[in-house]
């Protein structure tokens, strides 16, 4: 199988699997217990926390371990808003956030928070002018992802943070797609809170983190004695150990990003040459190295994905949580793409396991399967 769905999840690294297995077998005590085995587990937890902090450019105390990015996003938005000063009742969130975060925002609106969705430009990049115009003394929080999971577009988080802070608001960024694909340093991002999930960078599923800048007002929505009172519940120590091992094993991110970018560009160029009706969204924007969101003429995503499956290629029509193809992507709709065109969106997301031979195999096998389905004018467009 050729796996081109790395934005959905990644295979766990050997180091992560080993760390999970060893911790399950040898360090199974509760880190909150005062006895010897519990204190051994507490030391392992501390070592993992320090390791994660070192890679992500923050202090160990800034790391709050969670069950993944979804929980981390809930902790971040609810915890920051609960601590907001009186008079700050507005939440600004980008229109292209992950569907899980947008559902959370919808719930917050039902609870009385005034929510406004920030537009993006037609290429999917942040509209900083719209953000600046929307800010005011009643804004409590701005939430804008670091990189989009569908288009791969990277956002200027430091600039967004500066605008939010100038208006007295806090800034949260969902860095789930960014971490592991390109350098992310929490201290340099300007964010007051950032969220991530281990399975996006070859760690285990069911574990992630919320990063909180020192001194950031925060009221835990799930109280407990764990994680310095910021997230109740016994820590998933095997998962945390696997997450730390995966992060430490990423190596030279710049070199790997350059390799994936070259493969993605070759794939896009080859598809456009063989199938001139191919359109690639956000092609001119700064994107994650391995992400390509495209459509082929008027073909539906289901048709293209079926042909890819015949080739033994795993891909998606967008976010994994909304890849049925029955509804147009909210990300593309926010970019002004008509619904019928958005229904043709196919996401090819390359990763560390993708090889040049696999890209060549896709370029050799997919066009002959799609060409008979395209109108004659589409073949010579």
Protein backbone atom coordinates (compact mmCIF):
# COMPACT_ATOMS: atom_id res chain seq x y z
CA UNK A 1 0.00 0.00 0.00
CA UNK A 2 1.11 3.56 -0.77
CA UNK A 3 0.11 5.69 2.20
CA UNK A 4 -0.72 9.30 1.28
CA UNK A 5 -2.83 10.25 4.29
CA UNK A 6 -0.18 11.41 6.76
CA UNK A 7 -2.24 14.43 7.82
CA UNK A 8 -4.83 12.03 9.24
CA UNK A 9 -2.35 9.94 11.21
CA UNK A 10 1.16 8.53 11.00
CA UNK A 11 2.55 5.09 11.79
CA UNK A 12 4.19 4.97 15.24
CA UNK A 13 7.96 5.04 15.15
CA UNK A 14 9.97 2.09 16.44
CA UNK A 15 11.24 4.27 19.28
CA UNK A 16 7.68 5.22 20.26
CA UNK A 17 6.50 1.60 20.22
CA UNK A 18 9.46 0.53 22.34
CA UNK A 19 8.90 3.33 24.85
CA UNK A 20 5.20 2.45 25.18
CA UNK A 21 5.92 -1.27 25.63
CA UNK A 22 8.72 -0.77 28.15
CA UNK A 23 6.67 1.68 30.21
CA UNK A 24 3.63 -0.61 30.21
CA UNK A 25 5.74 -3.48 31.45
CA UNK A 26 8.11 -1.83 33.90
CA UNK A 27 6.60 1.48 35.02
CA UNK A 28 2.91 0.74 35.53
CA UNK A 29 2.40 2.40 38.91
CA UNK A 30 0.38 5.58 39.42
CA UNK A 31 2.63 8.67 39.22
CA UNK A 32 0.60 10.26 42.03
CA UNK A 33 1.30 7.42 44.49
CA UNK A 34 3.80 8.16 47.28
CA UNK A 35 5.43 4.72 47.39
CA UNK A 36 8.55 3.64 45.52
CA UNK A 37 6.93 2.33 42.31
CA UNK A 38 4.76 5.45 42.16
CA UNK A 39 7.76 7.71 42.54
CA UNK A 40 9.56 5.79 39.81
CA UNK A 41 6.57 6.46 37.54
CA UNK A 42 6.67 10.11 38.58
CA UNK A 43 10.34 10.34 37.57
CA UNK A 44 9.57 8.84 34.15
CA UNK A 45 6.71 11.33 33.76
CA UNK A 46 9.06 14.18 34.62
CA UNK A 47 11.70 12.97 32.20
CA UNK A 48 9.14 12.76 29.40
CA UNK A 49 7.84 16.22 30.22
CA UNK A 50 11.35 17.68 30.10
CA UNK A 51 12.02 15.91 26.80
CA UNK A 52 8.84 17.26 25.19
CA UNK A 53 9.57 20.76 26.48
CA UNK A 54 13.11 20.67 25.10
CA UNK A 55 11.91 19.85 21.58
CA UNK A 56 9.02 22.34 21.61
CA UNK A 57 10.92 25.27 23.10
CA UNK A 58 9.15 25.72 26.42
CA UNK A 59 9.60 24.95 30.11
CA UNK A 60 8.60 21.53 31.47
CA UNK A 61 6.04 23.24 33.72
CA UNK A 62 4.37 24.68 30.61
CA UNK A 63 3.42 21.20 29.34
CA UNK A 64 0.00 19.80 30.26
CA UNK A 65 -0.45 16.23 29.02
CA UNK A 66 -3.87 15.37 27.57
CA UNK A 67 -5.58 12.57 25.66
CA UNK A 68 -4.95 14.34 22.36
CA UNK A 69 -5.50 17.60 20.51
CA UNK A 70 -9.29 17.58 20.86
CA UNK A 71 -9.13 17.51 24.64
CA UNK A 72 -6.26 19.99 24.59
CA UNK A 73 -8.34 22.41 22.52
CA UNK A 74 -11.24 22.07 24.94
CA UNK A 75 -8.93 22.69 27.89
CA UNK A 76 -7.36 25.67 26.17
CA UNK A 77 -10.47 27.52 25.06
CA UNK A 78 -12.59 26.74 28.10
CA UNK A 79 -9.74 27.34 30.55
CA UNK A 80 -8.68 30.64 29.02
CA UNK A 81 -12.21 31.96 28.59
CA UNK A 82 -13.21 31.00 32.13
CA UNK A 83 -10.38 33.18 33.42
CA UNK A 84 -11.11 36.12 31.12
CA UNK A 85 -11.59 39.53 32.76
CA UNK A 86 -15.09 40.94 33.09
CA UNK A 87 -16.16 42.75 29.94
CA UNK A 88 -14.21 40.48 27.59
CA UNK A 89 -16.91 38.23 26.17
CA UNK A 90 -15.94 37.87 22.51
CA UNK A 91 -14.04 34.97 20.88
CA UNK A 92 -12.48 35.35 17.44
CA UNK A 93 -11.77 32.08 15.63
CA UNK A 94 -10.65 31.44 12.08
CA UNK A 95 -13.21 30.01 9.68
CA UNK A 96 -10.81 27.24 8.62
CA UNK A 97 -10.17 25.61 12.00
CA UNK A 98 -10.43 21.86 12.41
CA UNK A 99 -14.06 20.71 12.54
CA UNK A 100 -13.61 19.49 16.11
CA UNK A 101 -12.61 22.95 17.32
CA UNK A 102 -15.46 24.58 15.39
CA UNK A 103 -17.94 22.27 17.12
CA UNK A 104 -16.49 23.37 20.45
CA UNK A 105 -16.86 27.01 19.42
CA UNK A 106 -20.48 26.37 18.48
CA UNK A 107 -21.09 24.99 21.96
CA UNK A 108 -19.42 28.02 23.54
CA UNK A 109 -21.68 30.30 21.52
CA UNK A 110 -24.66 28.43 22.93
CA UNK A 111 -23.31 29.11 26.41
CA UNK A 112 -23.30 32.87 25.85
CA UNK A 113 -19.88 33.65 24.38
CA UNK A 114 -19.99 36.00 21.40
CA UNK A 115 -18.23 34.12 18.61
CA UNK A 116 -17.01 35.65 15.35
CA UNK A 117 -15.39 33.68 12.55
CA UNK A 118 -12.39 35.30 10.90
CA UNK A 119 -12.22 35.05 7.09
CA UNK A 120 -9.24 33.87 5.09
CA UNK A 121 -8.04 34.97 1.70
CA UNK A 122 -8.86 33.01 -1.46
CA UNK A 123 -5.54 31.15 -1.20
CA UNK A 124 -6.38 30.07 2.35
CA UNK A 125 -3.92 32.40 4.08
CA UNK A 126 -4.82 34.50 7.10
CA UNK A 127 -6.53 37.83 6.47
CA UNK A 128 -4.64 39.95 9.00
CA UNK A 129 -6.55 43.09 8.08
CA UNK A 130 -9.84 41.40 8.94
CA UNK A 131 -8.35 40.22 12.23
CA UNK A 132 -7.16 43.72 13.11
CA UNK A 133 -10.57 45.15 12.26
CA UNK A 134 -12.33 42.57 14.42
CA UNK A 135 -10.24 43.13 17.53
CA UNK A 136 -11.47 45.34 20.33
CA UNK A 137 -11.49 45.76 24.11
CA UNK A 138 -14.22 43.12 24.47
CA UNK A 139 -12.21 40.30 22.83
CA UNK A 140 -11.05 37.68 25.32
CA UNK A 141 -9.37 35.21 22.99
CA UNK A 142 -8.21 34.71 19.40
CA UNK A 143 -7.82 31.14 18.12
CA UNK A 144 -6.05 30.52 14.82
CA UNK A 145 -4.42 27.27 13.73
CA UNK A 146 -0.70 27.14 12.88
CA UNK A 147 -1.25 25.11 9.70
CA UNK A 148 -4.41 23.91 8.01
CA UNK A 149 -5.07 20.18 7.96
CA UNK A 150 -6.70 20.22 4.50
CA UNK A 151 -4.79 22.76 2.40
CA UNK A 152 -1.55 22.66 4.38
CA UNK A 153 -1.45 26.47 4.43
CA UNK A 154 0.84 27.79 7.18
CA UNK A 155 -0.37 30.76 9.21
CA UNK A 156 1.74 33.66 10.58
CA UNK A 157 1.11 32.80 14.22
CA UNK A 158 3.63 35.30 15.62
CA UNK A 159 1.96 38.16 13.73
CA UNK A 160 -1.49 37.01 14.82
CA UNK A 161 -0.29 36.78 18.43
CA UNK A 162 1.12 40.31 18.28
CA UNK A 163 -2.17 41.72 16.99
CA UNK A 164 -4.16 39.88 19.66
CA UNK A 165 -1.86 41.01 22.46
CA UNK A 166 -1.92 44.62 21.28
CA UNK A 167 -5.68 44.53 21.83
CA UNK A 168 -5.30 42.92 25.25
CA UNK A 169 -6.57 39.53 24.10
CA UNK A 170 -5.00 36.10 24.56
CA UNK A 171 -4.00 33.92 21.61
CA UNK A 172 -4.36 30.16 21.17
CA UNK A 173 -3.01 28.19 18.22
CA UNK A 174 -3.85 24.63 17.26
CA UNK A 175 -0.40 23.39 16.21
CA UNK A 176 -1.51 19.81 15.60
CA UNK A 177 -0.53 19.69 11.92
CA UNK A 178 2.57 21.83 12.35
CA UNK A 179 4.45 19.94 15.07
CA UNK A 180 6.64 17.24 13.56
CA UNK A 181 6.41 18.58 10.01
CA UNK A 182 8.31 21.81 10.51
CA UNK A 183 10.01 23.60 13.37
CA UNK A 184 7.66 24.83 16.08
CA UNK A 185 9.04 26.66 19.10
CA UNK A 186 6.38 27.66 21.59
CA UNK A 187 8.42 30.51 23.02
CA UNK A 188 8.88 32.04 19.56
CA UNK A 189 5.26 31.56 18.45
CA UNK A 190 3.93 34.30 20.70
CA UNK A 191 0.99 32.08 21.61
CA UNK A 192 -0.37 31.96 25.13
CA UNK A 193 -1.56 28.40 24.51
CA UNK A 194 -0.82 25.77 21.86
CA UNK A 195 -2.21 22.29 21.31
CA UNK A 196 -0.85 19.14 19.65
CA UNK A 197 -1.42 15.41 19.24
CA UNK A 198 1.24 12.68 19.23
CA UNK A 199 -0.17 10.49 16.48
CA UNK A 200 0.47 13.23 13.92
CA UNK A 201 4.25 12.86 14.39
CA UNK A 202 4.69 9.09 14.73
CA UNK A 203 3.68 8.84 18.36
CA UNK A 204 0.83 6.76 19.82
CA UNK A 205 -2.83 7.71 19.59
CA UNK A 206 -4.65 8.89 22.70
CA UNK A 207 -2.04 11.34 23.95
CA UNK A 208 -1.26 14.99 23.28
CA UNK A 209 -0.49 18.20 25.09
CA UNK A 210 -1.58 21.71 25.88
CA UNK A 211 1.27 24.21 26.18
CA UNK A 212 0.57 27.18 28.45
CA UNK A 213 2.74 30.27 28.62
CA UNK A 214 3.86 31.14 32.18
CA UNK A 215 1.47 33.51 33.91
CA UNK A 216 -1.39 32.97 31.45
CA UNK A 217 -4.76 33.23 33.27
CA UNK A 218 -6.28 29.76 33.22
CA UNK A 219 -9.09 28.04 35.11
CA UNK A 220 -9.10 24.28 34.74
CA UNK A 221 -12.42 23.02 33.32
CA UNK A 222 -11.61 19.51 34.63
CA UNK A 223 -10.15 20.12 38.11
CA UNK A 224 -7.79 17.63 39.66
CA UNK A 225 -4.45 17.35 41.40
CA UNK A 226 -2.62 16.11 38.31
CA UNK A 227 -0.74 18.31 35.85
CA UNK A 228 -0.30 21.05 38.45
CA UNK A 229 -4.04 21.29 38.88
CA UNK A 230 -4.66 22.09 35.22
CA UNK A 231 -6.05 18.73 34.07
CA UNK A 232 -7.55 16.11 36.34
CA UNK A 233 -7.09 12.41 35.66
CA UNK A 234 -4.29 9.86 35.95
CA UNK A 235 -1.69 10.49 33.26
CA UNK A 236 -1.36 8.04 30.37
CA UNK A 237 2.28 7.35 31.19
CA UNK A 238 2.98 4.79 28.41
CA UNK A 239 1.47 7.13 25.82
CA UNK A 240 3.38 10.10 27.20
CA UNK A 241 6.64 8.14 27.07
CA UNK A 242 5.89 7.17 23.47
CA UNK A 243 5.08 10.76 22.57
CA UNK A 244 8.38 11.97 24.02
CA UNK A 245 10.31 9.27 22.16
CA UNK A 246 8.59 10.16 18.88
CA UNK A 247 9.42 13.85 19.26
CA UNK A 248 13.04 13.15 20.10
CA UNK A 249 13.35 10.89 17.07
CA UNK A 250 12.22 13.44 14.49
CA UNK A 251 15.80 14.47 13.67
CA UNK A 252 16.54 17.16 11.09
CA UNK A 253 13.11 18.61 10.33
CA UNK A 254 14.43 21.01 7.69
CA UNK A 255 16.03 18.23 5.67
CA UNK A 256 12.94 16.04 5.85
CA UNK A 257 10.71 18.99 4.93
CA UNK A 258 12.85 19.69 1.86
CA UNK A 259 12.62 16.04 0.80
CA UNK A 260 8.83 15.93 1.18
CA UNK A 261 8.41 19.28 -0.58
CA UNK A 262 10.38 18.00 -3.57
CA UNK A 263 8.24 14.85 -3.73
CA UNK A 264 5.00 16.83 -3.40
CA UNK A 265 6.04 19.29 -6.10
CA UNK A 266 6.97 16.43 -8.43
CA UNK A 267 3.63 14.76 -7.78
CA UNK A 268 1.69 17.95 -8.46
CA UNK A 269 3.67 18.79 -11.58
CA UNK A 270 3.24 15.26 -12.94
CA UNK A 271 -0.50 15.21 -12.34
CA UNK A 272 -0.98 18.62 -13.93
CA UNK A 273 1.03 17.54 -16.97
CA UNK A 274 -0.84 14.28 -17.45
CA UNK A 275 -4.24 15.65 -16.42
CA UNK A 276 -4.34 19.36 -17.39
CA UNK A 277 -7.74 19.76 -15.71
CA UNK A 278 -6.08 19.24 -12.31
CA UNK A 279 -6.41 22.21 -9.98
CA UNK A 280 -4.32 22.54 -6.83
CA UNK A 281 -5.59 24.80 -4.10
CA UNK A 282 -3.20 27.14 -2.25
CA UNK A 283 -0.36 26.15 -4.56
CA UNK A 284 1.28 29.56 -4.29
CA UNK A 285 0.95 29.83 -0.51
CA UNK A 286 3.40 28.63 2.08
CA UNK A 287 2.27 25.10 2.84
CA UNK A 288 3.25 22.13 4.92
CA UNK A 289 5.84 20.19 2.96
CA UNK A 290 3.77 17.12 2.14
CA UNK A 291 0.23 18.46 1.72
CA UNK A 292 -1.59 18.77 -1.59
CA UNK A 293 -5.32 19.46 -1.91
CA UNK A 294 -6.56 19.09 -5.49
CA UNK A 295 -9.43 18.27 -7.80
CA UNK A 296 -9.35 16.69 -11.24
CA UNK A 297 -11.76 18.43 -13.59
CA UNK A 298 -15.36 17.91 -12.54
CA UNK A 299 -14.73 14.45 -11.09
CA UNK A 300 -16.07 13.89 -7.60
CA UNK A 301 -13.68 13.04 -4.80
CA UNK A 302 -15.29 9.60 -4.45
CA UNK A 303 -14.46 8.75 -8.07
CA UNK A 304 -10.82 9.78 -7.73
CA UNK A 305 -10.43 8.04 -4.37
CA UNK A 306 -11.90 4.84 -5.81
CA UNK A 307 -9.28 4.85 -8.58
CA UNK A 308 -6.55 5.55 -6.07
CA UNK A 309 -7.74 2.62 -4.00
CA UNK A 310 -7.52 0.39 -7.07
CA UNK A 311 -3.89 1.45 -7.30
CA UNK A 312 -3.35 0.58 -3.66
CA UNK A 313 -3.11 4.23 -2.59
CA UNK A 314 -4.60 5.45 0.70
CA UNK A 315 -5.79 9.06 0.49
CA UNK A 316 -8.71 11.19 1.67
CA UNK A 317 -11.17 13.80 0.52
CA UNK A 318 -10.16 16.19 3.30
CA UNK A 319 -10.05 15.90 7.07
CA UNK A 320 -10.25 12.31 8.29
CA UNK A 321 -13.22 13.17 10.53
CA UNK A 322 -15.21 14.50 7.55
CA UNK A 323 -14.00 12.51 4.56
CA UNK A 324 -17.27 11.01 3.34
CA UNK A 325 -17.43 13.53 0.49
CA UNK A 326 -21.13 14.17 1.09
CA UNK A 327 -20.55 17.75 2.27
CA UNK A 328 -18.20 20.31 0.74
CA UNK A 329 -15.15 21.19 2.78
CA UNK A 330 -15.79 24.13 5.12
CA UNK A 331 -12.18 25.15 4.53
CA UNK A 332 -12.66 25.48 0.78
CA UNK A 333 -16.01 27.17 1.22
CA UNK A 334 -14.30 29.74 3.47
CA UNK A 335 -11.83 30.31 0.64
CA UNK A 336 -14.73 31.14 -1.68
CA UNK A 337 -14.68 27.84 -3.60
CA UNK A 338 -18.11 26.89 -5.04
CA UNK A 339 -19.70 23.87 -3.40
CA UNK A 340 -19.66 21.72 -6.55
CA UNK A 341 -15.92 22.28 -7.00
CA UNK A 342 -15.22 21.65 -3.32
CA UNK A 343 -16.90 18.25 -3.59
CA UNK A 344 -14.06 17.21 -5.90
CA UNK A 345 -11.36 17.87 -3.30
CA UNK A 346 -8.84 15.09 -2.72
CA UNK A 347 -6.07 15.45 -0.18
CA UNK A 348 -2.76 13.73 -0.79
CA UNK A 349 -0.61 14.13 2.31
CA UNK A 350 2.88 12.70 2.07
CA UNK A 351 4.96 11.78 5.07
CA UNK A 352 8.25 10.36 6.26
CA UNK A 353 7.45 6.97 4.79
CA UNK A 354 6.71 8.31 1.29
CA UNK A 355 9.35 7.46 -1.31
CA UNK A 356 10.18 8.74 -4.79
CA UNK A 357 9.28 5.32 -6.22
CA UNK A 358 5.81 5.61 -4.71
CA UNK A 359 5.28 9.04 -6.25
CA UNK A 360 6.37 7.68 -9.62
CA UNK A 361 3.95 4.77 -9.22
CA UNK A 362 1.05 7.15 -8.61
CA UNK A 363 2.01 9.27 -11.62
CA UNK A 364 2.25 6.17 -13.81
CA UNK A 365 -0.96 4.54 -12.63
CA UNK A 366 -3.51 7.24 -11.83
CA UNK A 367 -3.76 9.28 -15.07
CA UNK A 368 -4.71 6.26 -17.24
CA UNK A 369 -7.52 5.47 -14.80
CA UNK A 370 -8.90 9.01 -14.81
CA UNK A 371 -8.41 10.09 -18.42
CA UNK A 372 -11.33 8.03 -19.79
CA UNK A 373 -13.64 9.73 -17.27
CA UNK A 374 -12.78 13.28 -18.28
CA UNK A 375 -14.44 15.29 -21.01
CA UNK A 376 -12.22 15.78 -24.11
CA UNK A 377 -11.81 19.48 -23.44
CA UNK A 378 -10.55 18.70 -19.92
CA UNK A 379 -7.76 16.54 -21.31
CA UNK A 380 -6.37 19.41 -23.37
CA UNK A 381 -7.14 22.29 -21.02
